[in-house]
């Protein structure tokens, strides 16, 4: 459907990251060149070891080759940019350690809830929250007060696109009462 706001509560191992999220990242990157999205997670360790590998595999299945169509953890070399092969996002991060950079200038910042202010000052165009069931009360306040209000960039370029300002939540079954907020999203769907 590619709705502006999506919440997928799906069993473990069913392809949330490799299927849903990789398609979402690819579609957003290609339809919003030079945009900046965010993939948020509870912590960087889980993001780097559990989310990025299936995301990379999913992008590969869609025809996007790592280190050819996109790079992770660094910016494109200046000579690639000089020849016009690689563009930069409208809101370019100064440090690319936690950044996915696509050839058309679209980027995805990787944000962790276990690092204070990791999203402070960022302006972005869409949000993906993987393993949302781990966003309990402690982190839910940061999501609502820090991250979601930062979704404010590039309205002049993307205001007519359904994915602009979009939020996608993916998770398996919430297992504690503090993550039951995900069920409340049903009223917004």
N, C-alpha and C. Protein backbone atom coordinates (compact mmCIF):
# COMPACT_ATOMS: atom_id res chain seq x y z
N UNK A 1 0.83 -1.19 0.00
CA UNK A 1 0.00 0.00 0.00
C UNK A 1 0.87 1.25 0.00
N UNK A 2 1.99 1.21 0.69
CA UNK A 2 2.89 2.35 0.82
C UNK A 2 2.16 3.56 1.40
N UNK A 3 1.48 3.31 2.52
CA UNK A 3 0.75 4.38 3.21
C UNK A 3 1.73 5.32 3.89
N UNK A 4 1.26 6.50 4.22
CA UNK A 4 2.10 7.48 4.90
C UNK A 4 2.47 7.00 6.30
N UNK A 5 1.57 6.33 6.97
CA UNK A 5 1.87 5.78 8.30
C UNK A 5 1.51 4.31 8.30
N UNK A 6 2.49 3.47 8.64
CA UNK A 6 2.30 2.03 8.63
C UNK A 6 2.82 1.43 9.94
N UNK A 7 2.13 0.42 10.42
CA UNK A 7 2.60 -0.34 11.57
C UNK A 7 2.44 -1.81 11.24
N UNK A 8 3.56 -2.53 11.17
CA UNK A 8 3.56 -3.95 10.84
C UNK A 8 3.97 -4.75 12.06
N UNK A 9 3.03 -5.47 12.64
CA UNK A 9 3.32 -6.40 13.74
C UNK A 9 3.23 -7.79 13.14
N UNK A 10 4.40 -8.38 12.89
CA UNK A 10 4.49 -9.62 12.13
C UNK A 10 5.43 -10.57 12.87
N UNK A 11 5.15 -11.85 12.79
CA UNK A 11 5.97 -12.86 13.47
C UNK A 11 7.44 -12.74 13.11
N UNK A 12 8.28 -13.24 13.99
CA UNK A 12 9.73 -13.22 13.78
C UNK A 12 10.09 -14.06 12.55
N UNK A 13 11.06 -13.58 11.81
CA UNK A 13 11.55 -14.33 10.66
C UNK A 13 10.68 -14.28 9.43
N UNK A 14 9.73 -13.37 9.38
CA UNK A 14 8.80 -13.30 8.25
C UNK A 14 9.20 -12.25 7.20
N UNK A 15 10.34 -11.60 7.37
CA UNK A 15 10.83 -10.69 6.34
C UNK A 15 10.48 -9.23 6.53
N UNK A 16 10.33 -8.79 7.77
CA UNK A 16 10.00 -7.38 8.00
C UNK A 16 11.09 -6.46 7.45
N UNK A 17 12.34 -6.76 7.79
CA UNK A 17 13.44 -5.89 7.37
C UNK A 17 13.81 -6.13 5.92
N UNK A 18 14.02 -7.38 5.56
CA UNK A 18 14.45 -7.72 4.20
C UNK A 18 13.36 -7.42 3.19
N UNK A 19 12.12 -7.54 3.59
CA UNK A 19 11.02 -7.31 2.66
C UNK A 19 10.45 -5.91 2.76
N UNK A 20 9.79 -5.61 3.87
CA UNK A 20 9.09 -4.33 4.02
C UNK A 20 10.05 -3.15 4.06
N UNK A 21 11.03 -3.20 4.95
CA UNK A 21 11.89 -2.03 5.15
C UNK A 21 12.84 -1.77 3.98
N UNK A 22 13.39 -2.81 3.38
CA UNK A 22 14.29 -2.57 2.25
C UNK A 22 13.52 -1.96 1.08
N UNK A 23 12.31 -2.41 0.85
CA UNK A 23 11.48 -1.82 -0.21
C UNK A 23 11.14 -0.38 0.12
N UNK A 24 10.83 -0.11 1.39
CA UNK A 24 10.49 1.25 1.82
C UNK A 24 11.69 2.18 1.63
N UNK A 25 12.88 1.75 2.06
CA UNK A 25 14.08 2.58 1.91
C UNK A 25 14.37 2.84 0.43
N UNK A 26 14.32 1.79 -0.38
CA UNK A 26 14.60 1.94 -1.81
C UNK A 26 13.59 2.87 -2.47
N UNK A 27 12.31 2.68 -2.20
CA UNK A 27 11.27 3.51 -2.79
C UNK A 27 11.43 4.97 -2.37
N UNK A 28 11.66 5.20 -1.09
CA UNK A 28 11.84 6.57 -0.61
C UNK A 28 13.07 7.22 -1.22
N UNK A 29 14.16 6.48 -1.30
CA UNK A 29 15.40 7.02 -1.87
C UNK A 29 15.21 7.38 -3.34
N UNK A 30 14.52 6.55 -4.09
CA UNK A 30 14.38 6.80 -5.52
C UNK A 30 13.32 7.86 -5.84
N UNK A 31 12.26 7.93 -5.05
CA UNK A 31 11.22 8.93 -5.35
C UNK A 31 11.50 10.27 -4.69
N UNK A 32 12.42 10.30 -3.73
CA UNK A 32 12.79 11.57 -3.08
C UNK A 32 14.31 11.73 -3.13
N UNK A 33 14.88 11.99 -4.31
CA UNK A 33 16.33 12.18 -4.40
C UNK A 33 16.76 13.34 -3.50
N UNK A 34 17.90 13.17 -2.87
CA UNK A 34 18.51 14.15 -1.95
C UNK A 34 17.74 14.29 -0.64
N UNK A 35 16.78 13.39 -0.39
CA UNK A 35 16.05 13.40 0.87
C UNK A 35 16.92 12.80 1.97
N UNK A 36 16.48 12.98 3.20
CA UNK A 36 17.14 12.35 4.34
C UNK A 36 16.08 11.65 5.17
N UNK A 37 16.22 10.34 5.30
CA UNK A 37 15.36 9.56 6.15
C UNK A 37 16.10 9.15 7.40
N UNK A 38 15.39 8.55 8.34
CA UNK A 38 15.99 8.04 9.57
C UNK A 38 15.51 6.62 9.78
N UNK A 39 16.44 5.74 10.10
CA UNK A 39 16.11 4.43 10.65
C UNK A 39 16.50 4.50 12.11
N UNK A 40 15.53 4.34 12.99
CA UNK A 40 15.78 4.40 14.43
C UNK A 40 15.68 3.00 15.02
N UNK A 41 16.45 2.79 16.05
CA UNK A 41 16.50 1.50 16.72
C UNK A 41 16.85 1.73 18.18
N UNK A 42 16.61 0.75 18.99
CA UNK A 42 16.91 0.86 20.42
C UNK A 42 18.39 1.12 20.66
N UNK A 43 19.27 0.43 19.92
CA UNK A 43 20.71 0.62 20.11
C UNK A 43 21.45 0.33 18.81
N UNK A 44 22.63 0.92 18.69
CA UNK A 44 23.41 0.75 17.47
C UNK A 44 23.88 -0.68 17.27
N UNK A 45 24.23 -1.36 18.35
CA UNK A 45 24.72 -2.74 18.23
C UNK A 45 23.69 -3.63 17.54
N UNK A 46 22.45 -3.56 17.98
CA UNK A 46 21.39 -4.36 17.35
C UNK A 46 21.12 -3.90 15.93
N UNK A 47 21.18 -2.59 15.71
CA UNK A 47 20.94 -2.08 14.37
C UNK A 47 22.00 -2.60 13.40
N UNK A 48 23.26 -2.54 13.82
CA UNK A 48 24.35 -2.94 12.94
C UNK A 48 24.42 -4.45 12.73
N UNK A 49 24.00 -5.23 13.72
CA UNK A 49 24.11 -6.69 13.61
C UNK A 49 22.82 -7.38 13.21
N UNK A 50 21.66 -6.76 13.50
CA UNK A 50 20.39 -7.42 13.23
C UNK A 50 19.55 -6.74 12.15
N UNK A 51 19.63 -5.44 12.04
CA UNK A 51 18.79 -4.73 11.07
C UNK A 51 19.51 -4.53 9.74
N UNK A 52 20.74 -4.04 9.77
CA UNK A 52 21.42 -3.73 8.50
C UNK A 52 21.70 -4.94 7.61
N UNK A 53 22.13 -6.10 8.14
CA UNK A 53 22.37 -7.23 7.22
C UNK A 53 21.15 -7.64 6.39
N UNK A 54 19.94 -7.82 6.99
CA UNK A 54 18.80 -8.14 6.12
C UNK A 54 18.35 -6.96 5.26
N UNK A 55 18.58 -5.74 5.72
CA UNK A 55 18.26 -4.58 4.89
C UNK A 55 19.14 -4.57 3.65
N UNK A 56 20.42 -4.84 3.81
CA UNK A 56 21.36 -4.92 2.68
C UNK A 56 20.94 -6.04 1.74
N UNK A 57 20.57 -7.20 2.31
CA UNK A 57 20.13 -8.33 1.48
C UNK A 57 18.88 -7.97 0.70
N UNK A 58 17.95 -7.27 1.33
CA UNK A 58 16.73 -6.85 0.65
C UNK A 58 17.00 -5.85 -0.46
N UNK A 59 17.89 -4.90 -0.21
CA UNK A 59 18.26 -3.94 -1.25
C UNK A 59 18.92 -4.65 -2.43
N UNK A 60 19.74 -5.66 -2.13
CA UNK A 60 20.39 -6.45 -3.18
C UNK A 60 19.33 -7.16 -4.03
N UNK A 61 18.32 -7.73 -3.38
CA UNK A 61 17.24 -8.40 -4.11
C UNK A 61 16.49 -7.42 -5.03
N UNK A 62 16.47 -6.15 -4.64
CA UNK A 62 15.81 -5.12 -5.44
C UNK A 62 16.72 -4.53 -6.51
N UNK A 63 17.97 -5.02 -6.57
CA UNK A 63 18.90 -4.58 -7.60
C UNK A 63 19.87 -3.50 -7.16
N UNK A 64 19.88 -3.15 -5.88
CA UNK A 64 20.79 -2.12 -5.37
C UNK A 64 22.02 -2.79 -4.78
N UNK A 65 23.18 -2.48 -5.35
CA UNK A 65 24.44 -3.08 -4.92
C UNK A 65 25.15 -2.15 -3.94
N UNK A 66 25.55 -2.73 -2.80
CA UNK A 66 26.32 -1.97 -1.81
C UNK A 66 27.66 -1.58 -2.42
N UNK A 67 28.11 -0.39 -2.12
CA UNK A 67 29.35 0.20 -2.63
C UNK A 67 29.30 0.49 -4.14
N UNK A 68 28.12 0.41 -4.72
CA UNK A 68 27.92 0.82 -6.10
C UNK A 68 26.75 1.81 -6.18
N UNK A 69 25.57 1.37 -5.70
CA UNK A 69 24.39 2.24 -5.67
C UNK A 69 24.29 3.02 -4.36
N UNK A 70 24.87 2.49 -3.30
CA UNK A 70 24.85 3.15 -2.00
C UNK A 70 26.07 2.71 -1.20
N UNK A 71 26.43 3.54 -0.24
CA UNK A 71 27.54 3.22 0.66
C UNK A 71 27.08 3.44 2.09
N UNK A 72 27.71 2.75 3.01
CA UNK A 72 27.33 2.85 4.42
C UNK A 72 28.55 3.28 5.23
N UNK A 73 28.32 4.23 6.12
CA UNK A 73 29.36 4.63 7.07
C UNK A 73 30.39 5.60 6.54
N UNK A 74 30.18 6.12 5.34
CA UNK A 74 31.10 7.10 4.78
C UNK A 74 30.39 7.85 3.67
N UNK A 75 30.94 8.99 3.33
CA UNK A 75 30.39 9.75 2.22
C UNK A 75 31.08 9.29 0.93
N UNK A 76 30.45 9.59 -0.17
CA UNK A 76 31.05 9.27 -1.47
C UNK A 76 32.34 10.06 -1.63
N UNK A 77 33.36 9.46 -2.22
CA UNK A 77 34.60 10.20 -2.47
C UNK A 77 34.34 11.45 -3.30
N UNK A 78 35.13 12.47 -3.06
CA UNK A 78 34.95 13.76 -3.75
C UNK A 78 34.99 13.60 -5.27
N UNK A 79 35.85 12.70 -5.78
CA UNK A 79 35.93 12.57 -7.24
C UNK A 79 34.63 11.99 -7.82
N UNK A 80 33.92 11.13 -7.07
CA UNK A 80 32.63 10.65 -7.54
C UNK A 80 31.65 11.82 -7.63
N UNK A 81 31.69 12.68 -6.63
CA UNK A 81 30.81 13.84 -6.62
C UNK A 81 31.18 14.82 -7.73
N UNK A 82 32.48 14.98 -7.97
CA UNK A 82 32.97 15.93 -8.97
C UNK A 82 32.47 15.57 -10.36
N UNK A 83 32.39 14.30 -10.66
CA UNK A 83 31.94 13.86 -11.99
C UNK A 83 30.42 13.80 -12.09
N UNK A 84 29.73 14.23 -11.03
CA UNK A 84 28.28 14.28 -11.06
C UNK A 84 27.60 12.95 -10.86
N UNK A 85 28.37 11.92 -10.51
CA UNK A 85 27.79 10.60 -10.31
C UNK A 85 27.06 10.48 -8.98
N UNK A 86 27.50 11.24 -8.01
CA UNK A 86 26.91 11.17 -6.67
C UNK A 86 26.53 12.56 -6.22
N UNK A 87 25.31 12.68 -5.74
CA UNK A 87 24.84 13.94 -5.19
C UNK A 87 24.82 13.83 -3.67
N UNK A 88 24.61 14.94 -3.01
CA UNK A 88 24.53 14.97 -1.55
C UNK A 88 23.10 15.29 -1.12
N UNK A 89 22.69 14.82 0.06
CA UNK A 89 21.36 15.18 0.55
C UNK A 89 21.24 16.69 0.77
N UNK A 90 20.02 17.20 0.75
CA UNK A 90 19.81 18.62 1.04
C UNK A 90 20.34 18.95 2.44
N UNK A 91 20.10 18.05 3.40
CA UNK A 91 20.63 18.20 4.76
C UNK A 91 21.71 17.16 4.95
N UNK A 92 22.91 17.49 4.54
CA UNK A 92 24.03 16.56 4.58
C UNK A 92 24.59 16.44 6.00
N UNK A 93 24.73 15.22 6.51
CA UNK A 93 25.35 15.07 7.83
C UNK A 93 26.84 15.38 7.75
N UNK A 94 27.35 16.00 8.77
CA UNK A 94 28.78 16.34 8.77
C UNK A 94 29.64 15.11 9.04
N UNK A 95 29.09 14.14 9.74
CA UNK A 95 29.81 12.91 10.04
C UNK A 95 29.00 11.76 9.48
N UNK A 96 29.64 10.88 8.73
CA UNK A 96 28.91 9.84 8.01
C UNK A 96 29.01 8.45 8.64
N UNK A 97 29.49 8.37 9.85
CA UNK A 97 29.69 7.05 10.48
C UNK A 97 28.41 6.24 10.54
N UNK A 98 27.29 6.87 10.86
CA UNK A 98 26.00 6.18 10.92
C UNK A 98 25.09 6.75 9.83
N UNK A 99 25.45 6.46 8.59
CA UNK A 99 24.78 7.07 7.45
C UNK A 99 24.83 6.14 6.26
N UNK A 100 23.70 6.03 5.55
CA UNK A 100 23.62 5.32 4.28
C UNK A 100 23.45 6.38 3.20
N UNK A 101 24.31 6.37 2.20
CA UNK A 101 24.32 7.41 1.16
C UNK A 101 24.06 6.76 -0.20
N UNK A 102 22.95 7.14 -0.85
CA UNK A 102 22.62 6.63 -2.18
C UNK A 102 23.19 7.55 -3.24
N UNK A 103 23.41 7.00 -4.43
CA UNK A 103 24.03 7.74 -5.53
C UNK A 103 23.26 8.98 -5.94
N UNK A 104 21.95 9.01 -5.75
CA UNK A 104 21.15 10.16 -6.17
C UNK A 104 21.05 11.22 -5.07
N UNK A 105 21.84 11.06 -4.03
CA UNK A 105 21.88 12.03 -2.95
C UNK A 105 20.96 11.71 -1.79
N UNK A 106 20.07 10.76 -1.96
CA UNK A 106 19.22 10.36 -0.84
C UNK A 106 20.09 9.74 0.25
N UNK A 107 19.72 9.99 1.47
CA UNK A 107 20.48 9.45 2.58
C UNK A 107 19.57 8.93 3.67
N UNK A 108 20.12 8.07 4.50
CA UNK A 108 19.41 7.54 5.65
C UNK A 108 20.35 7.64 6.84
N UNK A 109 19.93 8.39 7.85
CA UNK A 109 20.70 8.50 9.09
C UNK A 109 20.27 7.37 10.02
N UNK A 110 21.23 6.74 10.68
CA UNK A 110 20.96 5.68 11.64
C UNK A 110 20.99 6.30 13.03
N UNK A 111 19.86 6.20 13.73
CA UNK A 111 19.70 6.86 15.03
C UNK A 111 19.41 5.81 16.09
N UNK A 112 20.07 5.97 17.23
CA UNK A 112 19.91 5.04 18.34
C UNK A 112 19.26 5.75 19.53
N UNK A 113 18.33 5.06 20.18
CA UNK A 113 17.70 5.63 21.37
C UNK A 113 18.57 5.52 22.60
N UNK A 114 19.58 4.66 22.59
CA UNK A 114 20.40 4.52 23.79
C UNK A 114 21.52 5.55 23.87
N UNK A 115 21.60 6.42 22.87
CA UNK A 115 22.55 7.54 22.92
C UNK A 115 21.75 8.83 23.00
N UNK A 116 21.94 9.55 24.07
CA UNK A 116 21.21 10.81 24.27
C UNK A 116 21.46 11.76 23.11
N UNK A 117 20.39 12.38 22.67
CA UNK A 117 20.44 13.42 21.64
C UNK A 117 21.05 12.97 20.32
N UNK A 118 20.96 11.68 19.99
CA UNK A 118 21.52 11.23 18.71
C UNK A 118 20.75 11.79 17.52
N UNK A 119 19.55 12.29 17.76
CA UNK A 119 18.77 12.89 16.67
C UNK A 119 18.61 14.39 16.86
N UNK A 120 19.22 14.92 17.88
CA UNK A 120 19.07 16.34 18.16
C UNK A 120 19.62 17.20 17.02
N UNK A 121 18.82 18.13 16.55
CA UNK A 121 19.26 19.04 15.50
C UNK A 121 19.09 18.52 14.10
N UNK A 122 18.69 17.28 13.93
CA UNK A 122 18.53 16.70 12.60
C UNK A 122 17.17 17.11 12.03
N UNK A 123 17.10 17.32 10.75
CA UNK A 123 15.84 17.53 10.05
C UNK A 123 15.76 16.44 8.99
N UNK A 124 14.65 15.72 8.96
CA UNK A 124 14.56 14.60 8.02
C UNK A 124 13.16 14.50 7.44
N UNK A 125 13.04 13.62 6.44
CA UNK A 125 11.83 13.55 5.63
C UNK A 125 10.92 12.36 5.91
N UNK A 126 11.44 11.30 6.49
CA UNK A 126 10.62 10.14 6.84
C UNK A 126 11.34 9.35 7.93
N UNK A 127 10.58 8.51 8.63
CA UNK A 127 11.10 7.77 9.77
C UNK A 127 10.74 6.29 9.63
N UNK A 128 11.72 5.45 9.90
CA UNK A 128 11.51 4.01 9.98
C UNK A 128 11.95 3.57 11.37
N UNK A 129 11.09 2.89 12.07
CA UNK A 129 11.41 2.41 13.42
C UNK A 129 11.32 0.89 13.41
N UNK A 130 12.48 0.24 13.42
CA UNK A 130 12.54 -1.22 13.41
C UNK A 130 12.56 -1.73 14.84
N UNK A 131 12.02 -2.91 15.04
CA UNK A 131 11.92 -3.53 16.37
C UNK A 131 11.25 -2.57 17.36
N UNK A 132 10.12 -2.04 16.94
CA UNK A 132 9.42 -1.01 17.71
C UNK A 132 8.97 -1.49 19.09
N UNK A 133 8.84 -2.77 19.30
CA UNK A 133 8.39 -3.25 20.61
C UNK A 133 9.40 -2.94 21.72
N UNK A 134 10.63 -2.65 21.35
CA UNK A 134 11.64 -2.31 22.36
C UNK A 134 11.61 -0.83 22.73
N UNK A 135 10.76 -0.06 22.09
CA UNK A 135 10.62 1.36 22.42
C UNK A 135 9.59 1.45 23.54
N UNK A 136 10.09 1.29 24.75
CA UNK A 136 9.24 1.32 25.93
C UNK A 136 9.12 2.75 26.42
N UNK A 137 8.46 2.95 27.53
CA UNK A 137 8.15 4.30 28.02
C UNK A 137 9.37 5.22 28.04
N UNK A 138 10.51 4.72 28.47
CA UNK A 138 11.73 5.53 28.54
C UNK A 138 12.07 6.12 27.17
N UNK A 139 11.98 5.30 26.14
CA UNK A 139 12.33 5.74 24.80
C UNK A 139 11.15 6.34 24.04
N UNK A 140 9.94 5.97 24.40
CA UNK A 140 8.75 6.47 23.71
C UNK A 140 8.66 7.99 23.84
N UNK A 141 9.01 8.52 25.00
CA UNK A 141 9.00 9.98 25.17
C UNK A 141 9.98 10.64 24.21
N UNK A 142 11.15 10.04 24.03
CA UNK A 142 12.14 10.60 23.09
C UNK A 142 11.62 10.51 21.66
N UNK A 143 10.94 9.42 21.33
CA UNK A 143 10.35 9.28 20.00
C UNK A 143 9.37 10.42 19.75
N UNK A 144 8.46 10.64 20.69
CA UNK A 144 7.42 11.65 20.52
C UNK A 144 7.92 13.08 20.63
N UNK A 145 8.89 13.32 21.49
CA UNK A 145 9.31 14.70 21.77
C UNK A 145 10.58 15.13 21.04
N UNK A 146 11.41 14.17 20.63
CA UNK A 146 12.67 14.52 19.98
C UNK A 146 12.69 14.13 18.50
N UNK A 147 12.29 12.90 18.21
CA UNK A 147 12.47 12.39 16.86
C UNK A 147 11.35 12.81 15.90
N UNK A 148 10.11 12.54 16.25
CA UNK A 148 9.01 12.85 15.34
C UNK A 148 8.93 14.35 15.01
N UNK A 149 9.14 15.27 15.98
CA UNK A 149 9.13 16.69 15.61
C UNK A 149 10.26 17.10 14.65
N UNK A 150 11.32 16.30 14.57
CA UNK A 150 12.44 16.61 13.66
C UNK A 150 12.13 16.24 12.22
N UNK A 151 10.99 15.62 12.00
CA UNK A 151 10.58 15.29 10.63
C UNK A 151 9.97 16.56 10.03
N UNK A 152 10.85 17.40 9.48
CA UNK A 152 10.41 18.73 9.11
C UNK A 152 11.15 19.30 7.90
N UNK A 153 11.95 18.50 7.25
CA UNK A 153 12.77 19.06 6.18
C UNK A 153 12.16 18.90 4.80
N UNK A 154 12.55 19.75 3.89
CA UNK A 154 12.33 19.59 2.46
C UNK A 154 10.87 19.58 2.00
N UNK A 155 10.00 20.21 2.73
CA UNK A 155 8.60 20.30 2.32
C UNK A 155 8.46 20.88 0.91
N UNK A 156 9.30 21.84 0.57
CA UNK A 156 9.19 22.48 -0.74
C UNK A 156 9.48 21.53 -1.89
N UNK A 157 10.18 20.44 -1.64
CA UNK A 157 10.50 19.48 -2.70
C UNK A 157 9.56 18.27 -2.73
N UNK A 158 9.09 17.84 -1.56
CA UNK A 158 8.41 16.54 -1.49
C UNK A 158 6.98 16.60 -0.96
N UNK A 159 6.42 17.78 -0.75
CA UNK A 159 5.11 17.91 -0.10
C UNK A 159 3.99 17.14 -0.80
N UNK A 160 4.13 16.89 -2.08
CA UNK A 160 3.07 16.22 -2.84
C UNK A 160 3.21 14.69 -2.86
N UNK A 161 4.21 14.15 -2.19
CA UNK A 161 4.44 12.71 -2.20
C UNK A 161 3.90 12.06 -0.92
N UNK A 162 3.26 10.92 -1.07
CA UNK A 162 2.65 10.25 0.09
C UNK A 162 3.68 9.79 1.11
N UNK A 163 4.89 9.48 0.66
CA UNK A 163 5.88 8.99 1.61
C UNK A 163 6.58 10.10 2.39
N UNK A 164 6.42 11.35 1.95
CA UNK A 164 7.03 12.46 2.67
C UNK A 164 6.36 12.61 4.04
N UNK A 165 7.15 12.67 5.08
CA UNK A 165 6.63 12.75 6.44
C UNK A 165 6.07 11.43 6.94
N UNK A 166 6.40 10.35 6.24
CA UNK A 166 5.87 9.04 6.59
C UNK A 166 6.60 8.39 7.76
N UNK A 167 5.87 7.53 8.45
CA UNK A 167 6.44 6.76 9.56
C UNK A 167 6.08 5.30 9.33
N UNK A 168 7.09 4.44 9.43
CA UNK A 168 6.88 3.00 9.31
C UNK A 168 7.42 2.32 10.56
N UNK A 169 6.55 1.60 11.26
CA UNK A 169 6.94 0.83 12.42
C UNK A 169 6.91 -0.65 12.04
N UNK A 170 7.94 -1.39 12.39
CA UNK A 170 7.93 -2.84 12.23
C UNK A 170 8.38 -3.48 13.53
N UNK A 171 7.78 -4.62 13.83
CA UNK A 171 8.13 -5.33 15.05
C UNK A 171 7.46 -6.70 15.04
N UNK A 172 7.94 -7.56 15.92
CA UNK A 172 7.16 -8.76 16.16
C UNK A 172 6.25 -8.47 17.36
N UNK A 173 5.59 -9.47 17.85
CA UNK A 173 4.57 -9.30 18.88
C UNK A 173 5.12 -8.58 20.12
N UNK A 174 4.51 -7.45 20.54
CA UNK A 174 4.93 -6.80 21.79
C UNK A 174 4.75 -7.76 22.97
N UNK A 175 5.76 -7.81 23.82
CA UNK A 175 5.75 -8.79 24.91
C UNK A 175 5.62 -8.17 26.30
N UNK A 176 5.64 -6.86 26.39
CA UNK A 176 5.46 -6.24 27.71
C UNK A 176 4.45 -5.11 27.60
N UNK A 177 3.92 -4.70 28.75
CA UNK A 177 2.86 -3.70 28.74
C UNK A 177 3.35 -2.34 28.25
N UNK A 178 4.64 -2.04 28.41
CA UNK A 178 5.16 -0.74 27.99
C UNK A 178 5.23 -0.60 26.46
N UNK A 179 5.14 -1.69 25.74
CA UNK A 179 5.17 -1.58 24.28
C UNK A 179 3.78 -1.75 23.67
N UNK A 180 2.76 -1.75 24.49
CA UNK A 180 1.38 -1.89 24.00
C UNK A 180 0.91 -0.64 23.25
N UNK A 181 1.69 0.44 23.30
CA UNK A 181 1.35 1.66 22.56
C UNK A 181 1.21 1.38 21.06
N UNK A 182 1.88 0.33 20.60
CA UNK A 182 1.79 -0.02 19.18
C UNK A 182 0.36 -0.38 18.79
N UNK A 183 -0.39 -1.02 19.70
CA UNK A 183 -1.77 -1.36 19.39
C UNK A 183 -2.65 -0.13 19.29
N UNK A 184 -2.28 0.94 19.99
CA UNK A 184 -3.04 2.19 19.92
C UNK A 184 -2.96 2.84 18.55
N UNK A 185 -1.92 2.49 17.79
CA UNK A 185 -1.77 3.05 16.43
C UNK A 185 -2.89 2.61 15.51
N UNK A 186 -3.56 1.52 15.85
CA UNK A 186 -4.63 1.02 15.01
C UNK A 186 -5.73 2.06 14.82
N UNK A 187 -5.97 2.89 15.84
CA UNK A 187 -7.00 3.91 15.72
C UNK A 187 -6.61 5.00 14.72
N UNK A 188 -5.31 5.13 14.42
CA UNK A 188 -4.85 6.14 13.49
C UNK A 188 -4.77 5.62 12.05
N UNK A 189 -4.92 4.32 11.86
CA UNK A 189 -4.77 3.73 10.55
C UNK A 189 -6.04 3.89 9.73
